[in-house]
Amino acid sequence: MTQATELDATAAETGANATKVFQEKAKAPTSGTNQERVAELATEVLAAIHDVIRRHELTYSEYDALKAWLIKVGQDGEWPLFLDVFIEHAVEEVVNADRPGSKGTIEGPFYVPGAPRADGEVTLPMRADETGTPLLFRAQVRSTDGASLPGAQVEVWQADDAGFYGQFAPGIPEWNLRGTVIADADGTVAIRTIQPAPYQIPHDGATGQLIAAAGWHAWRPAHLHFKIVAAGHQLLTTQLYFAGGEYISNDVASAVKPELMLHPKPAADGNGNEVSYDFVLARV
């Protein structure tokens, strides 16, 4: 039997993995939401839906199609995908509206905690025949007062050159193109990887049905994901994009910000490209 590869990835499999990862995350203790807050938010969301129904004179056939689609989103395990693509950017904007330092953006559905740790200058785990343009990413982590942050933890994850994520597409080794890098005494890290490709979000399931029915596209621009943690500072979750790349101006997830652009140049050693960026963290 032929072994499945990343090109055989399906929305159902990807959705199931994303749901499992989120359910593990959701087990962590939270402060909870009080009854008044739940009532306020639920009432306003329902009122907004009722307003759309009345203004657009929704028919019963359209209502039944909506119910069938909502059921299918759950059956396909795509609620993390749908919510992270179409809703999370608004939550992130509100939460970080007044935050100083580097801009954040969405986490997305493909984060997995616990990636292998290494210090300072590292090469991300990758296949021996990993395709793509080599990329050297250098960064300094510092505070808003300018002080470097030695020992800062920089988690990084990305799609491969075909636009697929390890742990979510078949045939890709565990932790491929994922890592946790500990900044050196100057707060710097150097990460050798490959330049990721733009990718289509999984679109053969319920989320893809909505995108096709609306005549939208399902593409995200190429990007690197980061989570940065340093003692006494706020967690920064962000993505960095490649200036001039496809889908920068019409990202399906609406997560691109002008402050998050990378400008690659040929690497000094002649091996691919290199780029640099400073992560500036706000104090707690």
Protein backbone atom coordinates (compact mmCIF):
# COMPACT_ATOMS: atom_id res chain seq x y z
CA MET A 1 0.00 0.00 0.00
CA THR A 2 1.32 3.45 -0.89
CA GLN A 3 2.12 5.55 2.16
CA ALA A 4 0.14 8.79 2.48
CA THR A 5 2.07 12.01 1.95
CA GLU A 6 1.36 15.64 2.81
CA LEU A 7 -0.26 16.05 -0.62
CA ASP A 8 -2.95 13.64 0.57
CA ALA A 9 -3.95 15.93 3.47
CA THR A 10 -7.71 16.33 3.92
CA ALA A 11 -9.77 18.92 5.75
CA ALA A 12 -11.29 16.18 7.92
CA GLU A 13 -7.90 14.90 9.09
CA THR A 14 -6.53 18.39 9.56
CA GLY A 15 -9.68 19.47 11.39
CA ALA A 16 -9.55 16.45 13.70
CA ASN A 17 -5.94 17.24 14.61
CA ALA A 18 -6.72 20.92 15.19
CA THR A 19 -9.70 20.03 17.36
CA LYS A 20 -7.62 17.61 19.44
CA VAL A 21 -4.89 20.21 19.99
CA PHE A 22 -7.46 22.85 21.00
CA GLN A 23 -9.24 20.48 23.38
CA GLU A 24 -5.92 19.85 25.16
CA LYS A 25 -5.34 23.59 25.36
CA ALA A 26 -8.87 24.15 26.68
CA LYS A 27 -8.19 21.82 29.63
CA ALA A 28 -5.96 24.51 31.16
CA PRO A 29 -7.61 26.36 34.08
CA THR A 30 -9.23 29.67 33.15
CA SER A 31 -10.69 32.50 35.17
CA GLY A 32 -14.11 31.79 33.66
CA THR A 33 -16.78 34.26 32.57
CA ASN A 34 -19.52 35.45 34.90
CA GLN A 35 -23.21 34.98 34.16
CA GLU A 36 -23.83 38.66 33.40
CA ARG A 37 -21.04 38.74 30.83
CA VAL A 38 -22.32 35.56 29.14
CA ALA A 39 -25.85 36.98 28.99
CA GLU A 40 -24.64 40.29 27.57
CA LEU A 41 -22.48 38.78 24.84
CA ALA A 42 -24.91 36.01 23.89
CA THR A 43 -27.83 38.45 23.70
CA GLU A 44 -25.93 40.83 21.42
CA VAL A 45 -24.63 38.07 19.13
CA LEU A 46 -28.13 36.62 18.76
CA ALA A 47 -29.58 40.10 18.16
CA ALA A 48 -27.02 40.67 15.39
CA ILE A 49 -28.01 37.36 13.76
CA HIS A 50 -31.70 38.24 14.04
CA ASP A 51 -30.99 41.61 12.43
CA VAL A 52 -29.26 39.97 9.44
CA ILE A 53 -32.17 37.54 9.04
CA ARG A 54 -34.74 40.34 9.03
CA ARG A 55 -32.81 42.76 6.81
CA HIS A 56 -32.07 40.10 4.20
CA GLU A 57 -35.41 38.27 4.53
CA LEU A 58 -33.85 34.87 5.05
CA THR A 59 -35.87 31.99 3.57
CA TYR A 60 -36.48 28.63 5.19
CA SER A 61 -34.40 26.89 2.52
CA GLU A 62 -31.49 29.21 3.36
CA TYR A 63 -32.06 28.61 7.08
CA ASP A 64 -32.01 24.84 6.57
CA ALA A 65 -28.83 25.13 4.49
CA LEU A 66 -27.26 27.09 7.35
CA LYS A 67 -28.23 24.44 9.91
CA ALA A 68 -26.87 21.65 7.71
CA TRP A 69 -23.61 23.58 7.23
CA LEU A 70 -23.18 24.28 10.96
CA ILE A 71 -23.68 20.58 11.70
CA LYS A 72 -21.09 19.69 9.03
CA VAL A 73 -18.53 22.09 10.53
CA GLY A 74 -18.73 20.09 13.74
CA GLN A 75 -18.73 16.72 12.01
CA ASP A 76 -15.63 17.71 10.04
CA GLY A 77 -13.88 18.89 13.21
CA GLU A 78 -13.44 22.32 11.64
CA TRP A 79 -14.58 24.70 14.37
CA PRO A 80 -10.96 25.59 15.31
CA LEU A 81 -10.17 26.19 11.63
CA PHE A 82 -13.28 28.25 10.90
CA LEU A 83 -13.05 30.37 14.05
CA ASP A 84 -9.30 30.98 13.76
CA VAL A 85 -9.56 31.96 10.09
CA PHE A 86 -12.62 34.19 10.22
CA ILE A 87 -13.03 35.36 13.84
CA GLU A 88 -9.71 35.31 15.72
CA HIS A 89 -8.23 38.39 14.02
CA ALA A 90 -10.99 40.58 15.51
CA VAL A 91 -10.41 39.16 19.01
CA GLU A 92 -6.66 39.74 18.68
CA GLU A 93 -7.19 43.35 17.57
CA VAL A 94 -9.38 44.10 20.58
CA VAL A 95 -7.16 42.33 23.14
CA ASN A 96 -3.94 44.00 21.93
CA ALA A 97 -5.32 47.39 20.84
CA ASP A 98 -3.31 49.42 23.36
CA ARG A 99 -0.34 47.11 23.80
CA PRO A 100 3.11 48.70 23.36
CA GLY A 101 5.97 46.94 21.59
CA SER A 102 5.81 44.58 18.63
CA LYS A 103 2.52 43.91 16.92
CA GLY A 104 0.85 40.58 17.47
CA THR A 105 -1.55 38.69 15.27
CA ILE A 106 -3.49 35.43 15.31
CA GLU A 107 -2.14 32.13 16.62
CA GLY A 108 -4.15 30.11 14.11
CA PRO A 109 -5.11 26.43 14.41
CA PHE A 110 -1.69 24.83 13.77
CA TYR A 111 0.22 25.63 16.97
CA VAL A 112 1.43 22.63 18.99
CA PRO A 113 3.19 23.20 22.32
CA GLY A 114 6.31 21.32 23.36
CA ALA A 115 8.51 21.70 20.28
CA PRO A 116 12.15 20.61 20.76
CA ARG A 117 14.32 23.14 22.64
CA ALA A 118 17.73 24.45 21.63
CA ASP A 119 19.91 27.44 22.50
CA GLY A 120 20.96 30.46 20.49
CA GLU A 121 21.66 29.39 16.92
CA VAL A 122 19.74 26.39 15.61
CA THR A 123 18.53 24.59 12.51
CA LEU A 124 14.88 23.61 12.74
CA PRO A 125 14.12 19.89 12.46
CA MET A 126 13.54 19.07 8.81
CA ARG A 127 13.68 16.21 6.36
CA ALA A 128 17.00 15.37 4.70
CA ASP A 129 15.45 16.21 1.34
CA GLU A 130 13.44 19.23 2.55
CA THR A 131 12.67 21.39 -0.48
CA GLY A 132 12.62 25.18 -0.51
CA THR A 133 14.91 28.19 -0.36
CA PRO A 134 17.17 28.11 2.73
CA LEU A 135 16.41 30.98 5.13
CA LEU A 136 18.47 32.34 8.01
CA PHE A 137 16.26 34.25 10.44
CA ARG A 138 17.99 36.43 13.03
CA ALA A 139 16.15 38.21 15.82
CA GLN A 140 16.76 40.07 19.04
CA VAL A 141 14.24 39.96 21.86
CA ARG A 142 14.16 43.13 23.93
CA SER A 143 11.92 45.08 26.26
CA THR A 144 10.13 48.31 25.42
CA ASP A 145 12.80 50.14 27.45
CA GLY A 146 15.48 48.83 25.04
CA ALA A 147 17.00 46.22 27.35
CA SER A 148 17.83 42.88 25.75
CA LEU A 149 16.09 39.84 27.20
CA PRO A 150 18.53 36.93 27.58
CA GLY A 151 16.88 33.56 28.04
CA ALA A 152 13.71 34.61 26.23
CA GLN A 153 11.88 31.62 24.76
CA VAL A 154 11.09 31.87 21.05
CA GLU A 155 8.73 29.22 19.69
CA VAL A 156 8.58 29.01 15.91
CA TRP A 157 6.44 26.93 13.54
CA GLN A 158 5.71 27.14 9.83
CA ALA A 159 4.42 25.45 6.71
CA ASP A 160 6.84 23.72 4.37
CA ASP A 161 7.62 24.63 0.77
CA ALA A 162 4.41 22.90 -0.36
CA GLY A 163 2.26 24.76 2.18
CA PHE A 164 1.70 21.96 4.72
CA TYR A 165 2.27 21.79 8.48
CA GLY A 166 3.87 18.91 10.31
CA GLN A 167 1.52 17.19 12.78
CA PHE A 168 -1.44 18.17 10.60
CA ALA A 169 -0.63 16.62 7.21
CA PRO A 170 0.30 12.95 6.71
CA GLY A 171 3.81 11.82 5.87
CA ILE A 172 5.61 14.73 7.57
CA PRO A 173 7.86 13.82 10.53
CA GLU A 174 6.87 14.97 13.99
CA TRP A 175 8.14 18.48 14.83
CA ASN A 176 9.17 19.16 11.25
CA LEU A 177 9.92 22.91 10.92
CA ARG A 178 9.03 23.54 14.56
CA GLY A 179 11.26 24.50 17.45
CA THR A 180 11.70 26.33 20.73
CA VAL A 181 14.81 28.51 20.74
CA ILE A 182 16.32 30.09 23.87
CA ALA A 183 17.85 33.52 23.32
CA ASP A 184 21.53 34.01 24.20
CA ALA A 185 23.05 36.57 26.59
CA ASP A 186 22.25 39.37 24.12
CA GLY A 187 18.65 38.24 23.69
CA THR A 188 19.35 37.02 20.16
CA VAL A 189 18.44 33.91 18.22
CA ALA A 190 19.49 32.65 14.80
CA ILE A 191 17.22 30.10 13.15
CA ARG A 192 18.05 28.21 9.97
CA THR A 193 14.99 26.95 8.15
CA ILE A 194 13.42 27.13 4.68
CA GLN A 195 11.28 29.92 3.31
CA PRO A 196 7.63 28.81 3.61
CA ALA A 197 5.14 28.93 0.77
CA PRO A 198 1.69 30.52 0.65
CA TYR A 199 -0.93 27.89 1.33
CA GLN A 200 -4.59 27.17 1.01
CA ILE A 201 -6.41 26.53 4.25
CA PRO A 202 -8.03 23.06 4.22
CA HIS A 203 -10.91 23.56 1.81
CA ASP A 204 -12.46 20.17 0.99
CA GLY A 205 -14.69 20.30 4.08
CA ALA A 206 -17.33 22.62 5.52
CA THR A 207 -15.11 25.71 5.65
CA GLY A 208 -14.21 25.19 2.01
CA GLN A 209 -17.90 24.85 1.14
CA LEU A 210 -18.57 28.31 2.57
CA ILE A 211 -15.56 29.81 0.76
CA ALA A 212 -16.65 28.31 -2.57
CA ALA A 213 -20.30 29.32 -2.12
CA ALA A 214 -19.25 32.91 -1.38
CA GLY A 215 -16.75 33.05 -4.25
CA TRP A 216 -13.83 33.80 -1.91
CA HIS A 217 -10.32 32.36 -2.12
CA ALA A 218 -8.77 30.11 0.55
CA TRP A 219 -5.17 31.34 0.49
CA ARG A 220 -2.88 32.66 3.20
CA PRO A 221 0.40 34.45 2.40
CA ALA A 222 3.69 32.78 3.31
CA HIS A 223 4.57 33.42 6.95
CA LEU A 224 6.49 32.32 10.03
CA HIS A 225 4.67 31.87 13.35
CA PHE A 226 6.17 32.91 16.69
CA LYS A 227 5.36 32.82 20.39
CA ILE A 228 7.83 34.74 22.54
CA VAL A 229 7.99 34.50 26.33
CA ALA A 230 10.31 36.38 28.71
CA ALA A 231 10.13 36.79 32.48
CA GLY A 232 8.28 39.92 33.55
CA HIS A 233 6.88 40.55 30.07
CA GLN A 234 3.68 39.83 28.20
CA LEU A 235 3.51 36.85 25.87
CA LEU A 236 3.76 37.89 22.22
CA THR A 237 2.04 35.75 19.59
CA THR A 238 2.66 36.91 16.05
CA GLN A 239 3.34 36.02 12.42
CA LEU A 240 5.90 37.53 10.07
CA TYR A 241 5.20 37.85 6.35
CA PHE A 242 7.38 38.34 3.29
CA ALA A 243 7.05 41.77 1.68
CA GLY A 244 5.72 41.62 -1.87
CA GLY A 245 4.45 38.06 -1.47
CA GLU A 246 1.20 36.70 -2.86
CA TYR A 247 -1.99 37.22 -0.83
CA ILE A 248 -0.45 39.89 1.43
CA SER A 249 -3.28 42.26 0.52
CA ASN A 250 -6.13 39.74 0.67
CA ASP A 251 -5.23 37.14 3.29
CA VAL A 252 -8.24 34.90 3.89
CA ALA A 253 -7.58 35.13 7.66
CA SER A 254 -7.28 38.97 7.65
CA ALA A 255 -4.19 38.65 9.88
CA VAL A 256 -1.57 40.65 7.93
CA LYS A 257 -0.32 43.94 9.41
CA PRO A 258 2.20 46.32 7.77
CA GLU A 259 4.45 46.15 10.86
CA LEU A 260 4.93 42.40 10.36
CA MET A 261 6.81 42.47 7.05
CA LEU A 262 10.15 40.76 6.44
CA HIS A 263 12.51 41.89 3.68
CA PRO A 264 14.73 38.95 2.71
CA LYS A 265 18.08 39.52 1.04
CA PRO A 266 20.64 37.05 -0.31
CA ALA A 267 22.47 35.32 2.56
CA ALA A 268 26.07 36.38 3.17
CA ASP A 269 27.23 32.78 2.73
CA GLY A 270 25.45 32.49 -0.61
CA ASN A 271 23.04 29.86 0.73
CA GLY A 272 19.50 31.13 0.18
CA ASN A 273 18.17 34.22 1.94
CA GLU A 274 18.54 35.89 5.32
CA VAL A 275 16.36 38.29 7.25
CA SER A 276 16.29 39.99 10.65
CA TYR A 277 13.60 41.27 13.00
CA ASP A 278 13.38 42.63 16.56
CA PHE A 279 10.73 41.35 18.95
CA VAL A 280 9.88 44.08 21.46
CA LEU A 281 7.93 42.85 24.48
CA ALA A 282 5.73 44.90 26.79
CA ARG A 283 6.27 44.62 30.52
CA VAL A 284 3.60 42.94 32.60
